[in-house]
Amino acid sequence: MPAKTTRTSLDFVLDDETFRTLVEKTCAAVFVFQGTRLLYVNPAAEQITGYSRDELLKMNFYDLTPAGARKSIRSWALALQRGETVPIRGVVKIHTRRGDERWLDISMGQITLNGKPAGYGTAFDVTEQKRAELMEDAVYRIAQAADRAQNLNDLYVALHRIVAEVMPAKNFYSVFSLLCRRIRPP
């Protein structure tokens, strides 16, 4: 008489249909890539990036990152697929379809698809957290600049540089200096 196998609750949770539903409904972006091409993205990846699934599947995974970061992101993911020891988690800046900056906390791992190495990952949008960190840092640096400035002009230049790092500020220096001239203490 053959041994009776019992299905565990873990087997049930991980069956294909249930697992696919879980991946499709999660708020985290889930993606699979092989080489440099995306092979699968879930709806959250579409929502976070602003690109449709079809558009994303025609892209290299690093196409979303700023030009200056693409080489290192590409190297990171390819090394992971080769089985090299690399960090499996990182915070990465991307550009959405509309050109907006987003920061993603990405975790990746290696799998095999059709006998070839591939990678998978999850990504959470941490843009608001990253913005808060940048603003906190900017406020600290503004306080330092105010303490170090020899005159108002030095302070204006430092403020412009710091503010430009956290938001568009082409004319910040001009506007700020005008405001300061108009609002003089009695």
N, C-alpha and C. Protein backbone atom coordinates (compact mmCIF):
# COMPACT_ATOMS: atom_id res chain seq x y z
N MET A 1 0.85 -1.18 0.00
CA MET A 1 0.00 0.00 0.00
C MET A 1 0.90 1.24 0.00
N PRO A 2 0.68 2.19 -0.95
CA PRO A 2 1.54 3.38 -1.01
C PRO A 2 1.35 4.27 0.21
N ALA A 3 2.42 4.95 0.57
CA ALA A 3 2.36 5.87 1.71
C ALA A 3 1.43 7.03 1.37
N LYS A 4 0.60 7.37 2.33
CA LYS A 4 -0.34 8.47 2.14
C LYS A 4 0.39 9.80 2.40
N THR A 5 0.26 10.73 1.44
CA THR A 5 0.88 12.03 1.64
C THR A 5 -0.18 13.02 2.10
N THR A 6 0.19 13.83 3.03
CA THR A 6 -0.72 14.82 3.56
C THR A 6 -0.28 16.20 3.11
N ARG A 7 -1.22 16.97 2.68
CA ARG A 7 -0.93 18.33 2.24
C ARG A 7 -0.89 19.26 3.45
N THR A 8 0.20 19.99 3.57
CA THR A 8 0.31 20.92 4.70
C THR A 8 -0.31 22.25 4.32
N SER A 9 -0.53 23.10 5.32
CA SER A 9 -1.07 24.42 5.03
C SER A 9 -0.09 25.22 4.20
N LEU A 10 1.23 24.99 4.36
CA LEU A 10 2.24 25.69 3.57
C LEU A 10 2.10 25.30 2.10
N ASP A 11 1.87 24.00 1.82
CA ASP A 11 1.67 23.57 0.44
C ASP A 11 0.47 24.30 -0.17
N PHE A 12 -0.58 24.45 0.59
CA PHE A 12 -1.77 25.13 0.08
C PHE A 12 -1.48 26.59 -0.25
N VAL A 13 -0.79 27.25 0.67
CA VAL A 13 -0.49 28.67 0.47
C VAL A 13 0.39 28.87 -0.77
N LEU A 14 1.28 27.93 -1.02
CA LEU A 14 2.23 28.10 -2.10
C LEU A 14 1.81 27.45 -3.41
N ASP A 15 0.55 27.00 -3.52
CA ASP A 15 0.16 26.45 -4.82
C ASP A 15 0.16 27.57 -5.85
N ASP A 16 0.29 27.23 -7.10
CA ASP A 16 0.49 28.21 -8.17
C ASP A 16 -0.58 29.29 -8.22
N GLU A 17 -1.84 28.90 -8.17
CA GLU A 17 -2.92 29.88 -8.30
C GLU A 17 -2.94 30.84 -7.12
N THR A 18 -2.81 30.33 -5.92
CA THR A 18 -2.83 31.17 -4.74
C THR A 18 -1.62 32.11 -4.72
N PHE A 19 -0.46 31.54 -5.06
CA PHE A 19 0.76 32.36 -5.07
C PHE A 19 0.66 33.47 -6.11
N ARG A 20 0.17 33.15 -7.29
CA ARG A 20 0.03 34.16 -8.35
C ARG A 20 -0.93 35.26 -7.91
N THR A 21 -2.03 34.89 -7.26
CA THR A 21 -2.98 35.88 -6.76
C THR A 21 -2.30 36.78 -5.74
N LEU A 22 -1.54 36.20 -4.84
CA LEU A 22 -0.81 36.97 -3.83
C LEU A 22 0.13 37.98 -4.49
N VAL A 23 0.90 37.53 -5.45
CA VAL A 23 1.87 38.40 -6.13
C VAL A 23 1.15 39.50 -6.91
N GLU A 24 0.05 39.16 -7.55
CA GLU A 24 -0.68 40.14 -8.35
C GLU A 24 -1.39 41.19 -7.49
N LYS A 25 -1.73 40.86 -6.25
CA LYS A 25 -2.50 41.76 -5.40
C LYS A 25 -1.67 42.53 -4.39
N THR A 26 -0.41 42.18 -4.22
CA THR A 26 0.42 42.86 -3.21
C THR A 26 0.72 44.30 -3.62
N CYS A 27 0.95 45.16 -2.63
CA CYS A 27 1.28 46.56 -2.92
C CYS A 27 2.76 46.74 -3.27
N ALA A 28 3.56 45.72 -3.08
CA ALA A 28 4.98 45.79 -3.45
C ALA A 28 5.13 45.43 -4.92
N ALA A 29 6.01 46.14 -5.60
CA ALA A 29 6.33 45.76 -6.98
C ALA A 29 7.08 44.43 -6.93
N VAL A 30 6.71 43.52 -7.81
CA VAL A 30 7.39 42.23 -7.93
C VAL A 30 7.81 42.12 -9.39
N PHE A 31 9.07 41.70 -9.60
CA PHE A 31 9.56 41.60 -10.96
C PHE A 31 10.52 40.43 -11.09
N VAL A 32 10.61 39.91 -12.31
CA VAL A 32 11.55 38.84 -12.65
C VAL A 32 12.30 39.31 -13.88
N PHE A 33 13.61 39.08 -13.89
CA PHE A 33 14.43 39.48 -15.03
C PHE A 33 15.44 38.40 -15.35
N GLN A 34 15.85 38.34 -16.60
CA GLN A 34 16.89 37.41 -17.02
C GLN A 34 17.82 38.18 -17.93
N GLY A 35 19.11 38.11 -17.63
CA GLY A 35 20.04 39.00 -18.32
C GLY A 35 19.69 40.41 -17.90
N THR A 36 19.35 41.24 -18.86
CA THR A 36 18.97 42.62 -18.53
C THR A 36 17.49 42.89 -18.80
N ARG A 37 16.75 41.89 -19.27
CA ARG A 37 15.36 42.09 -19.67
C ARG A 37 14.39 41.69 -18.57
N LEU A 38 13.37 42.53 -18.41
CA LEU A 38 12.28 42.19 -17.50
C LEU A 38 11.40 41.14 -18.16
N LEU A 39 11.07 40.08 -17.42
CA LEU A 39 10.21 39.01 -17.94
C LEU A 39 8.82 39.04 -17.32
N TYR A 40 8.73 39.58 -16.11
CA TYR A 40 7.45 39.63 -15.42
C TYR A 40 7.44 40.87 -14.52
N VAL A 41 6.31 41.55 -14.48
CA VAL A 41 6.07 42.62 -13.51
C VAL A 41 4.62 42.50 -13.05
N ASN A 42 4.38 42.80 -11.80
CA ASN A 42 3.01 42.75 -11.29
C ASN A 42 2.36 44.13 -11.41
N PRO A 43 1.06 44.24 -11.13
CA PRO A 43 0.37 45.53 -11.24
C PRO A 43 0.98 46.64 -10.38
N ALA A 44 1.54 46.29 -9.22
CA ALA A 44 2.16 47.32 -8.37
C ALA A 44 3.36 47.94 -9.07
N ALA A 45 4.10 47.16 -9.85
CA ALA A 45 5.23 47.72 -10.60
C ALA A 45 4.73 48.73 -11.62
N GLU A 46 3.60 48.43 -12.24
CA GLU A 46 3.01 49.37 -13.20
C GLU A 46 2.60 50.66 -12.48
N GLN A 47 1.96 50.51 -11.33
CA GLN A 47 1.46 51.66 -10.58
C GLN A 47 2.60 52.54 -10.09
N ILE A 48 3.67 51.95 -9.60
CA ILE A 48 4.80 52.71 -9.06
C ILE A 48 5.55 53.44 -10.18
N THR A 49 5.75 52.77 -11.32
CA THR A 49 6.57 53.35 -12.40
C THR A 49 5.76 54.21 -13.37
N GLY A 50 4.45 53.96 -13.46
CA GLY A 50 3.63 54.68 -14.44
C GLY A 50 3.68 54.06 -15.82
N TYR A 51 4.47 53.02 -16.01
CA TYR A 51 4.54 52.31 -17.28
C TYR A 51 3.58 51.13 -17.27
N SER A 52 3.04 50.78 -18.42
CA SER A 52 2.19 49.59 -18.52
C SER A 52 3.07 48.34 -18.47
N ARG A 53 2.46 47.21 -18.22
CA ARG A 53 3.19 45.94 -18.21
C ARG A 53 3.90 45.73 -19.55
N ASP A 54 3.19 45.97 -20.65
CA ASP A 54 3.79 45.78 -21.98
C ASP A 54 5.01 46.67 -22.17
N GLU A 55 4.92 47.94 -21.72
CA GLU A 55 6.06 48.84 -21.85
C GLU A 55 7.24 48.35 -21.01
N LEU A 56 6.97 47.94 -19.77
CA LEU A 56 8.04 47.47 -18.89
C LEU A 56 8.72 46.22 -19.44
N LEU A 57 7.94 45.31 -20.03
CA LEU A 57 8.52 44.07 -20.54
C LEU A 57 9.36 44.29 -21.80
N LYS A 58 9.30 45.46 -22.38
CA LYS A 58 10.15 45.80 -23.53
C LYS A 58 11.43 46.52 -23.09
N MET A 59 11.56 46.75 -21.78
CA MET A 59 12.67 47.53 -21.25
C MET A 59 13.73 46.64 -20.61
N ASN A 60 14.94 47.19 -20.52
CA ASN A 60 15.94 46.62 -19.63
C ASN A 60 15.58 47.09 -18.23
N PHE A 61 15.86 46.29 -17.22
CA PHE A 61 15.47 46.65 -15.86
C PHE A 61 16.11 47.96 -15.41
N TYR A 62 17.29 48.27 -15.92
CA TYR A 62 17.99 49.48 -15.48
C TYR A 62 17.56 50.73 -16.23
N ASP A 63 16.70 50.61 -17.25
CA ASP A 63 16.25 51.78 -18.01
C ASP A 63 15.50 52.79 -17.15
N LEU A 64 14.96 52.36 -16.04
CA LEU A 64 14.21 53.26 -15.15
C LEU A 64 15.12 54.12 -14.29
N THR A 65 16.38 53.74 -14.16
CA THR A 65 17.29 54.45 -13.27
C THR A 65 17.94 55.63 -14.00
N PRO A 66 18.41 56.63 -13.26
CA PRO A 66 19.10 57.77 -13.89
C PRO A 66 20.33 57.28 -14.65
N ALA A 67 20.66 57.96 -15.73
CA ALA A 67 21.76 57.55 -16.61
C ALA A 67 23.06 57.28 -15.84
N GLY A 68 23.37 58.10 -14.87
CA GLY A 68 24.61 57.94 -14.12
C GLY A 68 24.67 56.70 -13.24
N ALA A 69 23.52 56.10 -12.96
CA ALA A 69 23.47 54.92 -12.07
C ALA A 69 23.31 53.62 -12.84
N ARG A 70 23.03 53.69 -14.12
CA ARG A 70 22.68 52.48 -14.89
C ARG A 70 23.78 51.42 -14.90
N LYS A 71 25.01 51.84 -15.06
CA LYS A 71 26.11 50.88 -15.13
C LYS A 71 26.23 50.08 -13.83
N SER A 72 26.16 50.77 -12.70
CA SER A 72 26.30 50.06 -11.42
C SER A 72 25.08 49.18 -11.12
N ILE A 73 23.88 49.64 -11.48
CA ILE A 73 22.67 48.82 -11.27
C ILE A 73 22.73 47.58 -12.15
N ARG A 74 23.14 47.76 -13.39
CA ARG A 74 23.26 46.63 -14.33
C ARG A 74 24.27 45.62 -13.79
N SER A 75 25.44 46.11 -13.36
CA SER A 75 26.49 45.23 -12.83
C SER A 75 26.01 44.46 -11.61
N TRP A 76 25.28 45.17 -10.73
CA TRP A 76 24.76 44.56 -9.51
C TRP A 76 23.85 43.38 -9.85
N ALA A 77 22.90 43.60 -10.74
CA ALA A 77 21.92 42.56 -11.08
C ALA A 77 22.55 41.40 -11.85
N LEU A 78 23.47 41.70 -12.74
CA LEU A 78 24.13 40.63 -13.50
C LEU A 78 25.02 39.79 -12.59
N ALA A 79 25.71 40.42 -11.65
CA ALA A 79 26.54 39.69 -10.69
C ALA A 79 25.67 38.78 -9.83
N LEU A 80 24.51 39.27 -9.42
CA LEU A 80 23.57 38.46 -8.65
C LEU A 80 23.17 37.22 -9.44
N GLN A 81 22.86 37.38 -10.71
CA GLN A 81 22.45 36.24 -11.54
C GLN A 81 23.59 35.23 -11.73
N ARG A 82 24.82 35.70 -11.72
CA ARG A 82 25.97 34.80 -11.84
C ARG A 82 26.27 34.07 -10.54
N GLY A 83 25.57 34.42 -9.48
CA GLY A 83 25.77 33.77 -8.20
C GLY A 83 26.86 34.40 -7.36
N GLU A 84 27.33 35.57 -7.76
CA GLU A 84 28.36 36.26 -6.98
C GLU A 84 27.75 36.81 -5.70
N THR A 85 28.60 37.03 -4.72
CA THR A 85 28.14 37.58 -3.46
C THR A 85 28.00 39.09 -3.61
N VAL A 86 26.77 39.54 -3.62
CA VAL A 86 26.47 40.97 -3.74
C VAL A 86 25.37 41.29 -2.75
N PRO A 87 25.24 42.56 -2.37
CA PRO A 87 24.12 42.92 -1.49
C PRO A 87 22.80 42.54 -2.17
N ILE A 88 21.87 42.02 -1.41
CA ILE A 88 20.58 41.65 -1.98
C ILE A 88 19.52 42.73 -1.77
N ARG A 89 19.93 43.81 -1.11
CA ARG A 89 18.97 44.88 -0.84
C ARG A 89 19.64 46.23 -1.03
N GLY A 90 18.87 47.19 -1.54
CA GLY A 90 19.39 48.53 -1.71
C GLY A 90 18.27 49.51 -2.00
N VAL A 91 18.57 50.78 -1.82
CA VAL A 91 17.61 51.84 -2.15
C VAL A 91 18.08 52.45 -3.46
N VAL A 92 17.17 52.47 -4.43
CA VAL A 92 17.50 52.88 -5.80
C VAL A 92 16.55 53.98 -6.25
N LYS A 93 17.11 54.98 -6.93
CA LYS A 93 16.28 56.05 -7.49
C LYS A 93 15.88 55.64 -8.90
N ILE A 94 14.60 55.86 -9.24
CA ILE A 94 14.12 55.62 -10.60
C ILE A 94 13.41 56.88 -11.10
N HIS A 95 13.15 56.90 -12.39
CA HIS A 95 12.31 57.94 -12.99
C HIS A 95 11.06 57.27 -13.54
N THR A 96 9.90 57.81 -13.19
CA THR A 96 8.64 57.26 -13.68
C THR A 96 8.43 57.67 -15.13
N ARG A 97 7.38 57.14 -15.70
CA ARG A 97 7.03 57.48 -17.09
C ARG A 97 6.85 58.99 -17.25
N ARG A 98 6.31 59.65 -16.23
CA ARG A 98 6.10 61.11 -16.27
C ARG A 98 7.37 61.89 -15.97
N GLY A 99 8.45 61.20 -15.61
CA GLY A 99 9.71 61.88 -15.31
C GLY A 99 9.89 62.19 -13.83
N ASP A 100 8.94 61.80 -13.00
CA ASP A 100 9.07 62.03 -11.56
C ASP A 100 10.13 61.10 -10.97
N GLU A 101 10.82 61.59 -9.93
CA GLU A 101 11.77 60.74 -9.21
C GLU A 101 11.02 59.93 -8.17
N ARG A 102 11.38 58.68 -8.05
CA ARG A 102 10.86 57.80 -7.00
C ARG A 102 12.05 57.04 -6.43
N TRP A 103 11.97 56.76 -5.15
CA TRP A 103 12.99 55.96 -4.48
C TRP A 103 12.37 54.63 -4.11
N LEU A 104 13.05 53.54 -4.46
CA LEU A 104 12.55 52.20 -4.19
C LEU A 104 13.52 51.44 -3.30
N ASP A 105 12.98 50.78 -2.29
CA ASP A 105 13.74 49.86 -1.46
C ASP A 105 13.59 48.49 -2.13
N ILE A 106 14.67 48.02 -2.75
CA ILE A 106 14.62 46.81 -3.57
C ILE A 106 15.35 45.67 -2.87
N SER A 107 14.73 44.49 -2.89
CA SER A 107 15.37 43.25 -2.45
C SER A 107 15.37 42.30 -3.64
N MET A 108 16.51 41.65 -3.89
CA MET A 108 16.61 40.77 -5.04
C MET A 108 17.20 39.42 -4.65
N GLY A 109 16.95 38.44 -5.51
CA GLY A 109 17.51 37.11 -5.32
C GLY A 109 17.70 36.44 -6.67
N GLN A 110 18.37 35.30 -6.63
CA GLN A 110 18.66 34.57 -7.87
C GLN A 110 17.74 33.36 -7.99
N ILE A 111 17.29 33.09 -9.21
CA ILE A 111 16.51 31.89 -9.53
C ILE A 111 17.02 31.34 -10.85
N THR A 112 16.50 30.19 -11.24
CA THR A 112 16.82 29.61 -12.54
C THR A 112 15.53 29.50 -13.33
N LEU A 113 15.56 30.01 -14.56
CA LEU A 113 14.41 29.92 -15.47
C LEU A 113 14.87 29.26 -16.76
N ASN A 114 14.18 28.20 -17.14
CA ASN A 114 14.54 27.48 -18.37
C ASN A 114 16.02 27.11 -18.41
N GLY A 115 16.53 26.72 -17.26
CA GLY A 115 17.92 26.27 -17.17
C GLY A 115 18.95 27.38 -17.17
N LYS A 116 18.50 28.64 -17.13
CA LYS A 116 19.44 29.77 -17.15
C LYS A 116 19.24 30.62 -15.90
N PRO A 117 20.33 31.27 -15.43
CA PRO A 117 20.18 32.14 -14.25
C PRO A 117 19.28 33.33 -14.55
N ALA A 118 18.54 33.72 -13.54
CA ALA A 118 17.65 34.88 -13.63
C ALA A 118 17.60 35.53 -12.26
N GLY A 119 16.90 36.62 -12.17
CA GLY A 119 16.76 37.30 -10.89
C GLY A 119 15.31 37.66 -10.65
N TYR A 120 14.99 37.84 -9.39
CA TYR A 120 13.65 38.30 -9.01
C TYR A 120 13.83 39.38 -7.97
N GLY A 121 12.81 40.17 -7.82
CA GLY A 121 12.91 41.21 -6.81
C GLY A 121 11.56 41.73 -6.38
N THR A 122 11.61 42.40 -5.25
CA THR A 122 10.46 43.15 -4.76
C THR A 122 10.93 44.56 -4.51
N ALA A 123 10.01 45.50 -4.65
CA ALA A 123 10.37 46.90 -4.44
C ALA A 123 9.23 47.62 -3.75
N PHE A 124 9.56 48.37 -2.73
CA PHE A 124 8.61 49.21 -2.02
C PHE A 124 8.95 50.66 -2.30
N ASP A 125 7.94 51.46 -2.56
CA ASP A 125 8.13 52.88 -2.80
C ASP A 125 8.41 53.56 -1.47
N VAL A 126 9.62 54.09 -1.30
CA VAL A 126 10.00 54.77 -0.06
C VAL A 126 10.30 56.25 -0.35
N THR A 127 9.66 56.78 -1.38
CA THR A 127 9.92 58.15 -1.82
C THR A 127 9.65 59.16 -0.71
N GLU A 128 8.52 59.05 -0.04
CA GLU A 128 8.19 60.02 1.02
C GLU A 128 9.19 59.95 2.16
N GLN A 129 9.61 58.77 2.53
CA GLN A 129 10.62 58.61 3.59
C GLN A 129 11.94 59.24 3.15
N LYS A 130 12.33 59.00 1.91
CA LYS A 130 13.58 59.56 1.39
C LYS A 130 13.51 61.09 1.33
N ARG A 131 12.35 61.63 0.91
CA ARG A 131 12.19 63.09 0.88
C ARG A 131 12.30 63.68 2.28
N ALA A 132 11.70 63.01 3.25
CA ALA A 132 11.78 63.49 4.63
C ALA A 132 13.23 63.50 5.11
N GLU A 133 13.98 62.46 4.77
CA GLU A 133 15.39 62.40 5.14
C GLU A 133 16.18 63.54 4.48
N LEU A 134 15.91 63.78 3.19
CA LEU A 134 16.60 64.85 2.48
C LEU A 134 16.26 66.22 3.07
N MET A 135 15.01 66.42 3.44
CA MET A 135 14.60 67.70 4.03
C MET A 135 15.25 67.89 5.40
N GLU A 136 15.27 66.85 6.20
CA GLU A 136 15.91 66.93 7.52
C GLU A 136 17.39 67.28 7.36
N ASP A 137 18.05 66.65 6.41
CA ASP A 137 19.46 66.95 6.15
C ASP A 137 19.63 68.39 5.67
N ALA A 138 18.72 68.84 4.81
CA ALA A 138 18.81 70.22 4.29
C ALA A 138 18.65 71.23 5.42
N VAL A 139 17.72 71.01 6.32
CA VAL A 139 17.50 71.93 7.44
C VAL A 139 18.76 71.99 8.31
N TYR A 140 19.37 70.86 8.56
CA TYR A 140 20.60 70.81 9.35
C TYR A 140 21.72 71.60 8.65
N ARG A 141 21.87 71.40 7.34
CA ARG A 141 22.92 72.09 6.59
C ARG A 141 22.64 73.58 6.47
N ILE A 142 21.37 73.98 6.40
CA ILE A 142 21.03 75.41 6.38
C ILE A 142 21.43 76.05 7.70
N ALA A 143 21.17 75.36 8.80
CA ALA A 143 21.57 75.88 10.11
C ALA A 143 23.09 76.04 10.19
N GLN A 144 23.81 75.05 9.65
CA GLN A 144 25.27 75.16 9.62
C GLN A 144 25.72 76.34 8.76
N ALA A 145 25.09 76.51 7.60
CA ALA A 145 25.45 77.61 6.69
C ALA A 145 25.19 78.95 7.35
N ALA A 146 24.08 79.08 8.07
CA ALA A 146 23.76 80.33 8.75
C ALA A 146 24.81 80.64 9.82
N ASP A 147 25.28 79.60 10.47
CA ASP A 147 26.29 79.79 11.51
C ASP A 147 27.65 80.18 10.92
N ARG A 148 27.98 79.65 9.75
CA ARG A 148 29.29 79.86 9.14
C ARG A 148 29.37 81.09 8.24
N ALA A 149 28.23 81.57 7.75
CA ALA A 149 28.23 82.65 6.76
C ALA A 149 28.86 83.92 7.34
N GLN A 150 29.74 84.53 6.54
CA GLN A 150 30.39 85.78 6.93
C GLN A 150 29.50 86.98 6.65
N ASN A 151 28.59 86.82 5.66
CA ASN A 151 27.69 87.91 5.29
C ASN A 151 26.44 87.31 4.64
N LEU A 152 25.47 88.17 4.34
CA LEU A 152 24.21 87.69 3.76
C LEU A 152 24.41 87.07 2.38
N ASN A 153 25.30 87.61 1.60
CA ASN A 153 25.53 87.05 0.27
C ASN A 153 26.01 85.60 0.36
N ASP A 154 26.96 85.32 1.27
CA ASP A 154 27.43 83.95 1.48
C ASP A 154 26.27 83.05 1.89
N LEU A 155 25.40 83.57 2.76
CA LEU A 155 24.25 82.78 3.20
C LEU A 155 23.30 82.50 2.05
N TYR A 156 23.01 83.51 1.20
CA TYR A 156 22.12 83.32 0.05
C TYR A 156 22.65 82.23 -0.88
N VAL A 157 23.93 82.28 -1.16
CA VAL A 157 24.54 81.29 -2.05
C VAL A 157 24.41 79.89 -1.46
N ALA A 158 24.71 79.75 -0.17
CA ALA A 158 24.60 78.44 0.49
C ALA A 158 23.16 77.95 0.51
N LEU A 159 22.21 78.86 0.83
CA LEU A 159 20.80 78.48 0.85
C LEU A 159 20.33 78.01 -0.53
N HIS A 160 20.72 78.74 -1.55
CA HIS A 160 20.33 78.37 -2.91
C HIS A 160 20.84 76.97 -3.27
N ARG A 161 22.10 76.71 -2.96
CA ARG A 161 22.70 75.41 -3.27
C ARG A 161 21.98 74.29 -2.53
N ILE A 162 21.70 74.49 -1.26
CA ILE A 162 21.04 73.45 -0.45
C ILE A 162 19.60 73.23 -0.89
N VAL A 163 18.86 74.31 -1.08
CA VAL A 163 17.46 74.18 -1.50
C VAL A 163 17.36 73.54 -2.88
N ALA A 164 18.27 73.86 -3.78
CA ALA A 164 18.26 73.29 -5.14
C ALA A 164 18.44 71.77 -5.12
N GLU A 165 19.04 71.24 -4.06
CA GLU A 165 19.22 69.79 -3.96
C GLU A 165 17.92 69.07 -3.62
N VAL A 166 16.96 69.78 -3.03
CA VAL A 166 15.71 69.11 -2.60
C VAL A 166 14.48 69.53 -3.39
N MET A 167 14.61 70.59 -4.21
CA MET A 167 13.46 71.02 -5.03
C MET A 167 13.95 71.93 -6.14
N PRO A 168 13.15 72.09 -7.20
CA PRO A 168 13.56 73.02 -8.26
C PRO A 168 13.70 74.42 -7.68
N ALA A 169 14.83 75.06 -7.95
CA ALA A 169 15.07 76.38 -7.34
C ALA A 169 15.93 77.25 -8.24
N LYS A 170 15.57 77.34 -9.52
CA LYS A 170 16.38 78.13 -10.46
C LYS A 170 16.56 79.57 -9.99
N ASN A 171 15.50 80.19 -9.52
CA ASN A 171 15.57 81.60 -9.14
C ASN A 171 15.47 81.82 -7.63
N PHE A 172 15.77 80.79 -6.87
CA PHE A 172 15.64 80.90 -5.42
C PHE A 172 16.50 82.03 -4.86
N TYR A 173 17.74 82.12 -5.32
CA TYR A 173 18.66 83.15 -4.83
C TYR A 173 18.07 84.54 -5.06
N SER A 174 17.56 84.81 -6.26
CA SER A 174 17.00 86.13 -6.58
C SER A 174 15.78 86.44 -5.73
N VAL A 175 14.87 85.48 -5.66
CA VAL A 175 13.63 85.69 -4.91
C VAL A 175 13.92 85.85 -3.42
N PHE A 176 14.80 85.00 -2.90
CA PHE A 176 15.11 85.06 -1.48
C PHE A 176 15.78 86.39 -1.12
N SER A 177 16.70 86.85 -1.96
CA SER A 177 17.37 88.12 -1.65
C SER A 177 16.39 89.29 -1.71
N LEU A 178 15.44 89.26 -2.66
CA LEU A 178 14.41 90.31 -2.71
C LEU A 178 13.55 90.29 -1.45
N LEU A 179 13.15 89.12 -1.05
CA LEU A 179 12.33 89.00 0.17
C LEU A 179 13.07 89.52 1.39
N CYS A 180 14.34 89.18 1.48
CA CYS A 180 15.12 89.62 2.64
C CYS A 180 15.28 91.14 2.65
N ARG A 181 15.38 91.76 1.50
CA ARG A 181 15.49 93.22 1.45
C ARG A 181 14.18 93.89 1.86
N ARG A 182 13.07 93.26 1.50
CA ARG A 182 11.76 93.83 1.83
C ARG A 182 11.37 93.61 3.28
N ILE A 183 11.83 92.52 3.84
CA ILE A 183 11.47 92.19 5.22
C ILE A 183 12.67 92.45 6.10
N ARG A 184 12.87 93.69 6.41
CA ARG A 184 13.98 94.06 7.29
C ARG A 184 13.43 94.30 8.70
N PRO A 185 14.18 93.85 9.68
CA PRO A 185 13.71 94.09 11.05
C PRO A 185 13.68 95.59 11.35
N PRO A 186 12.74 96.02 12.19
CA PRO A 186 12.63 97.47 12.54
C PRO A 186 13.85 97.97 13.30
